[in-house]
PDB file of N, CA and C in Angstrom:
ATOM      1  N   MET A   1       9.844  -2.084 -12.304  1.00  0.00           N
ATOM      2  CA  MET A   1       8.638  -2.783 -12.682  1.00  0.00           C
ATOM      3  C   MET A   1       7.503  -2.387 -11.725  1.00  0.00           C
ATOM      4  N   PRO A   2       6.403  -1.871 -12.243  1.00  0.00           N
ATOM      5  CA  PRO A   2       5.300  -1.441 -11.374  1.00  0.00           C
ATOM      6  C   PRO A   2       4.570  -2.641 -10.767  1.00  0.00           C
ATOM      7  N   ILE A   3       3.739  -2.339  -9.768  1.00  0.00           N
ATOM      8  CA  ILE A   3       2.935  -3.369  -9.121  1.00  0.00           C
ATOM      9  C   ILE A   3       1.911  -3.923 -10.118  1.00  0.00           C
ATOM     10  N   ASP A   4       1.794  -5.228 -10.160  1.00  0.00           N
ATOM     11  CA  ASP A   4       0.840  -5.907 -11.036  1.00  0.00           C
ATOM     12  C   ASP A   4      -0.586  -5.484 -10.655  1.00  0.00           C
ATOM     13  N   PRO A   5      -1.394  -5.041 -11.618  1.00  0.00           N
ATOM     14  CA  PRO A   5      -2.762  -4.612 -11.310  1.00  0.00           C
ATOM     15  C   PRO A   5      -3.601  -5.710 -10.641  1.00  0.00           C
ATOM     16  N   GLU A   6      -3.380  -6.962 -10.991  1.00  0.00           N
ATOM     17  CA  GLU A   6      -4.114  -8.064 -10.364  1.00  0.00           C
ATOM     18  C   GLU A   6      -3.743  -8.193  -8.891  1.00  0.00           C
ATOM     19  N   LEU A   7      -2.475  -7.989  -8.563  1.00  0.00           N
ATOM     20  CA  LEU A   7      -2.045  -8.030  -7.171  1.00  0.00           C
ATOM     21  C   LEU A   7      -2.657  -6.862  -6.407  1.00  0.00           C
ATOM     22  N   LEU A   8      -2.675  -5.702  -7.015  1.00  0.00           N
ATOM     23  CA  LEU A   8      -3.239  -4.513  -6.370  1.00  0.00           C
ATOM     24  C   LEU A   8      -4.722  -4.710  -6.040  1.00  0.00           C
ATOM     25  N   GLU A   9      -5.435  -5.446  -6.876  1.00  0.00           N
ATOM     26  CA  GLU A   9      -6.860  -5.706  -6.631  1.00  0.00           C
ATOM     27  C   GLU A   9      -7.098  -6.549  -5.381  1.00  0.00           C
ATOM     28  N   ILE A  10      -6.176  -7.463  -5.041  1.00  0.00           N
ATOM     29  CA  ILE A  10      -6.409  -8.363  -3.911  1.00  0.00           C
ATOM     30  C   ILE A  10      -5.748  -7.898  -2.622  1.00  0.00           C
ATOM     31  N   LEU A  11      -4.819  -6.935  -2.708  1.00  0.00           N
ATOM     32  CA  LEU A  11      -4.159  -6.447  -1.492  1.00  0.00           C
ATOM     33  C   LEU A  11      -5.111  -5.584  -0.678  1.00  0.00           C
ATOM     34  N   ALA A  12      -5.005  -5.699   0.634  1.00  0.00           N
ATOM     35  CA  ALA A  12      -5.819  -4.885   1.539  1.00  0.00           C
ATOM     36  C   ALA A  12      -4.961  -4.466   2.718  1.00  0.00           C
ATOM     37  N   CYS A  13      -5.335  -3.383   3.345  1.00  0.00           N
ATOM     38  CA  CYS A  13      -4.644  -2.891   4.530  1.00  0.00           C
ATOM     39  C   CYS A  13      -4.715  -3.966   5.620  1.00  0.00           C
ATOM     40  N   PRO A  14      -3.577  -4.340   6.198  1.00  0.00           N
ATOM     41  CA  PRO A  14      -3.596  -5.361   7.250  1.00  0.00           C
ATOM     42  C   PRO A  14      -4.282  -4.891   8.527  1.00  0.00           C
ATOM     43  N   LEU A  15      -4.442  -3.585   8.703  1.00  0.00           N
ATOM     44  CA  LEU A  15      -5.062  -3.068   9.917  1.00  0.00           C
ATOM     45  C   LEU A  15      -6.587  -2.993   9.783  1.00  0.00           C
ATOM     46  N   CYS A  16      -7.077  -2.319   8.748  1.00  0.00           N
ATOM     47  CA  CYS A  16      -8.527  -2.108   8.642  1.00  0.00           C
ATOM     48  C   CYS A  16      -9.179  -2.885   7.498  1.00  0.00           C
ATOM     49  N   LYS A  17      -8.380  -3.628   6.736  1.00  0.00           N
ATOM     50  CA  LYS A  17      -8.882  -4.510   5.655  1.00  0.00           C
ATOM     51  C   LYS A  17      -9.542  -3.775   4.498  1.00  0.00           C
ATOM     52  N   THR A  18      -9.194  -2.511   4.316  1.00  0.00           N
ATOM     53  CA  THR A  18      -9.731  -1.706   3.221  1.00  0.00           C
ATOM     54  C   THR A  18      -8.775  -1.792   2.026  1.00  0.00           C
ATOM     55  N   GLY A  19      -9.296  -1.527   0.841  1.00  0.00           N
ATOM     56  CA  GLY A  19      -8.489  -1.565  -0.371  1.00  0.00           C
ATOM     57  C   GLY A  19      -7.372  -0.526  -0.366  1.00  0.00           C
ATOM     58  N   LEU A  20      -6.369  -0.778  -1.185  1.00  0.00           N
ATOM     59  CA  LEU A  20      -5.206   0.100  -1.281  1.00  0.00           C
ATOM     60  C   LEU A  20      -5.125   0.694  -2.679  1.00  0.00           C
ATOM     61  N   GLU A  21      -4.518   1.867  -2.760  1.00  0.00           N
ATOM     62  CA  GLU A  21      -4.271   2.470  -4.072  1.00  0.00           C
ATOM     63  C   GLU A  21      -2.795   2.832  -4.164  1.00  0.00           C
ATOM     64  N   LEU A  22      -2.266   2.704  -5.358  1.00  0.00           N
ATOM     65  CA  LEU A  22      -0.872   3.025  -5.616  1.00  0.00           C
ATOM     66  C   LEU A  22      -0.689   4.533  -5.611  1.00  0.00           C
ATOM     67  N   LYS A  23       0.310   5.013  -4.868  1.00  0.00           N
ATOM     68  CA  LYS A  23       0.590   6.448  -4.860  1.00  0.00           C
ATOM     69  C   LYS A  23       1.059   6.870  -6.256  1.00  0.00           C
ATOM     70  N   PRO A  24       0.802   8.108  -6.645  1.00  0.00           N
ATOM     71  CA  PRO A  24       1.198   8.571  -7.986  1.00  0.00           C
ATOM     72  C   PRO A  24       2.689   8.392  -8.291  1.00  0.00           C
ATOM     73  N   ASP A  25       3.543   8.539  -7.263  1.00  0.00           N
ATOM     74  CA  ASP A  25       4.977   8.369  -7.500  1.00  0.00           C
ATOM     75  C   ASP A  25       5.426   6.917  -7.365  1.00  0.00           C
ATOM     76  N   GLN A  26       4.476   5.996  -7.132  1.00  0.00           N
ATOM     77  CA  GLN A  26       4.703   4.562  -7.012  1.00  0.00           C
ATOM     78  C   GLN A  26       5.667   4.191  -5.888  1.00  0.00           C
ATOM     79  N   SER A  27       5.725   5.034  -4.849  1.00  0.00           N
ATOM     80  CA  SER A  27       6.613   4.759  -3.717  1.00  0.00           C
ATOM     81  C   SER A  27       5.940   3.947  -2.625  1.00  0.00           C
ATOM     82  N   GLY A  28       4.610   3.786  -2.737  1.00  0.00           N
ATOM     83  CA  GLY A  28       3.900   3.051  -1.705  1.00  0.00           C
ATOM     84  C   GLY A  28       2.455   2.804  -2.055  1.00  0.00           C
ATOM     85  N   LEU A  29       1.796   2.028  -1.192  1.00  0.00           N
ATOM     86  CA  LEU A  29       0.375   1.735  -1.326  1.00  0.00           C
ATOM     87  C   LEU A  29      -0.353   2.409  -0.182  1.00  0.00           C
ATOM     88  N   LYS A  30      -1.356   3.206  -0.510  1.00  0.00           N
ATOM     89  CA  LYS A  30      -2.061   3.983   0.503  1.00  0.00           C
ATOM     90  C   LYS A  30      -3.439   3.397   0.774  1.00  0.00           C
ATOM     91  N   CYS A  31      -3.738   3.229   2.065  1.00  0.00           N
ATOM     92  CA  CYS A  31      -5.046   2.750   2.491  1.00  0.00           C
ATOM     93  C   CYS A  31      -6.050   3.890   2.332  1.00  0.00           C
ATOM     94  N   GLN A  32      -7.194   3.577   1.759  1.00  0.00           N
ATOM     95  CA  GLN A  32      -8.208   4.593   1.504  1.00  0.00           C
ATOM     96  C   GLN A  32      -8.957   4.989   2.764  1.00  0.00           C
ATOM     97  N   LYS A  33      -8.908   4.155   3.814  1.00  0.00           N
ATOM     98  CA  LYS A  33      -9.653   4.449   5.031  1.00  0.00           C
ATOM     99  C   LYS A  33      -8.767   5.051   6.130  1.00  0.00           C
ATOM    100  N   CYS A  34      -7.699   4.351   6.531  1.00  0.00           N
ATOM    101  CA  CYS A  34      -6.894   4.814   7.669  1.00  0.00           C
ATOM    102  C   CYS A  34      -5.697   5.669   7.248  1.00  0.00           C
ATOM    103  N   LYS A  35      -5.496   5.852   5.938  1.00  0.00           N
ATOM    104  CA  LYS A  35      -4.468   6.739   5.366  1.00  0.00           C
ATOM    105  C   LYS A  35      -3.026   6.273   5.616  1.00  0.00           C
ATOM    106  N   ARG A  36      -2.844   4.993   5.980  1.00  0.00           N
ATOM    107  CA  ARG A  36      -1.488   4.467   6.131  1.00  0.00           C
ATOM    108  C   ARG A  36      -0.895   4.207   4.753  1.00  0.00           C
ATOM    109  N   VAL A  37       0.401   4.484   4.622  1.00  0.00           N
ATOM    110  CA  VAL A  37       1.105   4.230   3.369  1.00  0.00           C
ATOM    111  C   VAL A  37       2.129   3.143   3.636  1.00  0.00           C
ATOM    112  N   TYR A  38       1.966   2.034   2.913  1.00  0.00           N
ATOM    113  CA  TYR A  38       2.888   0.907   3.016  1.00  0.00           C
ATOM    114  C   TYR A  38       3.937   1.067   1.920  1.00  0.00           C
ATOM    115  N   PRO A  39       5.221   1.084   2.285  1.00  0.00           N
ATOM    116  CA  PRO A  39       6.265   1.346   1.297  1.00  0.00           C
ATOM    117  C   PRO A  39       6.439   0.194   0.312  1.00  0.00           C
ATOM    118  N   ILE A  40       6.974   0.534  -0.851  1.00  0.00           N
ATOM    119  CA  ILE A  40       7.350  -0.460  -1.852  1.00  0.00           C
ATOM    120  C   ILE A  40       8.870  -0.385  -1.973  1.00  0.00           C
ATOM    121  N   ARG A  41       9.528  -1.499  -1.710  1.00  0.00           N
ATOM    122  CA  ARG A  41      10.991  -1.563  -1.800  1.00  0.00           C
ATOM    123  C   ARG A  41      11.379  -2.660  -2.779  1.00  0.00           C
ATOM    124  N   GLU A  42      12.163  -2.299  -3.768  1.00  0.00           N
ATOM    125  CA  GLU A  42      12.610  -3.230  -4.810  1.00  0.00           C
ATOM    126  C   GLU A  42      11.417  -3.967  -5.420  1.00  0.00           C
ATOM    127  N   ASP A  43      10.364  -3.208  -5.719  1.00  0.00           N
ATOM    128  CA  ASP A  43       9.136  -3.699  -6.343  1.00  0.00           C
ATOM    129  C   ASP A  43       8.333  -4.658  -5.465  1.00  0.00           C
ATOM    130  N   ILE A  44       8.579  -4.680  -4.155  1.00  0.00           N
ATOM    131  CA  ILE A  44       7.856  -5.547  -3.226  1.00  0.00           C
ATOM    132  C   ILE A  44       7.136  -4.675  -2.201  1.00  0.00           C
ATOM    133  N   PRO A  45       5.795  -4.788  -2.105  1.00  0.00           N
ATOM    134  CA  PRO A  45       5.069  -4.031  -1.087  1.00  0.00           C
ATOM    135  C   PRO A  45       5.373  -4.585   0.312  1.00  0.00           C
ATOM    136  N   ILE A  46       5.719  -3.710   1.224  1.00  0.00           N
ATOM    137  CA  ILE A  46       6.010  -4.088   2.605  1.00  0.00           C
ATOM    138  C   ILE A  46       4.730  -3.865   3.411  1.00  0.00           C
ATOM    139  N   MET A  47       3.981  -4.937   3.629  1.00  0.00           N
ATOM    140  CA  MET A  47       2.656  -4.842   4.226  1.00  0.00           C
ATOM    141  C   MET A  47       2.690  -5.065   5.745  1.00  0.00           C
ATOM    142  N   LEU A  48       3.606  -4.418   6.410  1.00  0.00           N
ATOM    143  CA  LEU A  48       3.727  -4.502   7.862  1.00  0.00           C
ATOM    144  C   LEU A  48       3.229  -3.191   8.467  1.00  0.00           C
ATOM    145  N   ILE A  49       2.349  -3.298   9.455  1.00  0.00           N
ATOM    146  CA  ILE A  49       1.774  -2.103  10.078  1.00  0.00           C
ATOM    147  C   ILE A  49       2.864  -1.213  10.660  1.00  0.00           C
ATOM    148  N   ASP A  50       3.900  -1.819  11.248  1.00  0.00           N
ATOM    149  CA  ASP A  50       4.990  -1.043  11.844  1.00  0.00           C
ATOM    150  C   ASP A  50       5.817  -0.273  10.818  1.00  0.00           C
ATOM    151  N   GLU A  51       5.778  -0.689   9.569  1.00  0.00           N
ATOM    152  CA  GLU A  51       6.540  -0.018   8.503  1.00  0.00           C
ATOM    153  C   GLU A  51       5.730   1.112   7.850  1.00  0.00           C
ATOM    154  N   ALA A  52       4.430   1.140   8.066  1.00  0.00           N
ATOM    155  CA  ALA A  52       3.566   2.118   7.419  1.00  0.00           C
ATOM    156  C   ALA A  52       3.666   3.485   8.105  1.00  0.00           C
ATOM    157  N   LYS A  53       3.424   4.516   7.307  1.00  0.00           N
ATOM    158  CA  LYS A  53       3.367   5.888   7.820  1.00  0.00           C
ATOM    159  C   LYS A  53       2.000   6.447   7.495  1.00  0.00           C
ATOM    160  N   ILE A  54       1.447   7.233   8.417  1.00  0.00           N
ATOM    161  CA  ILE A  54       0.135   7.829   8.196  1.00  0.00           C
ATOM    162  C   ILE A  54       0.321   9.129   7.422  1.00  0.00           C
ATOM    163  N   GLU A  55      -0.470   9.271   6.345  1.00  0.00           N
ATOM    164  CA  GLU A  55      -0.353  10.421   5.455  1.00  0.00           C
ATOM    165  C   GLU A  55      -1.759  10.953   5.170  1.00  0.00           C
ATOM    166  N   GLU A  56      -1.918  12.229   5.189  1.00  0.00           N
ATOM    167  CA  GLU A  56      -3.242  12.831   4.887  1.00  0.00           C
ATOM    168  C   GLU A  56      -3.486  12.929   3.417  1.00  0.00           C
TER     169      GLU A  56
END
């Protein structure tokens, strides 16, 4: 089950408070500013800074 579009609209990066976009493969949510990718596990976004990976 993909991330609900309404949820995606209100989620923001916990570090820089910028909006997130769903990666094309739906494996995570990517911050548009700091480029951190927050993983999605079992259809739940893991919004912990320590769990995020920086991706260009």
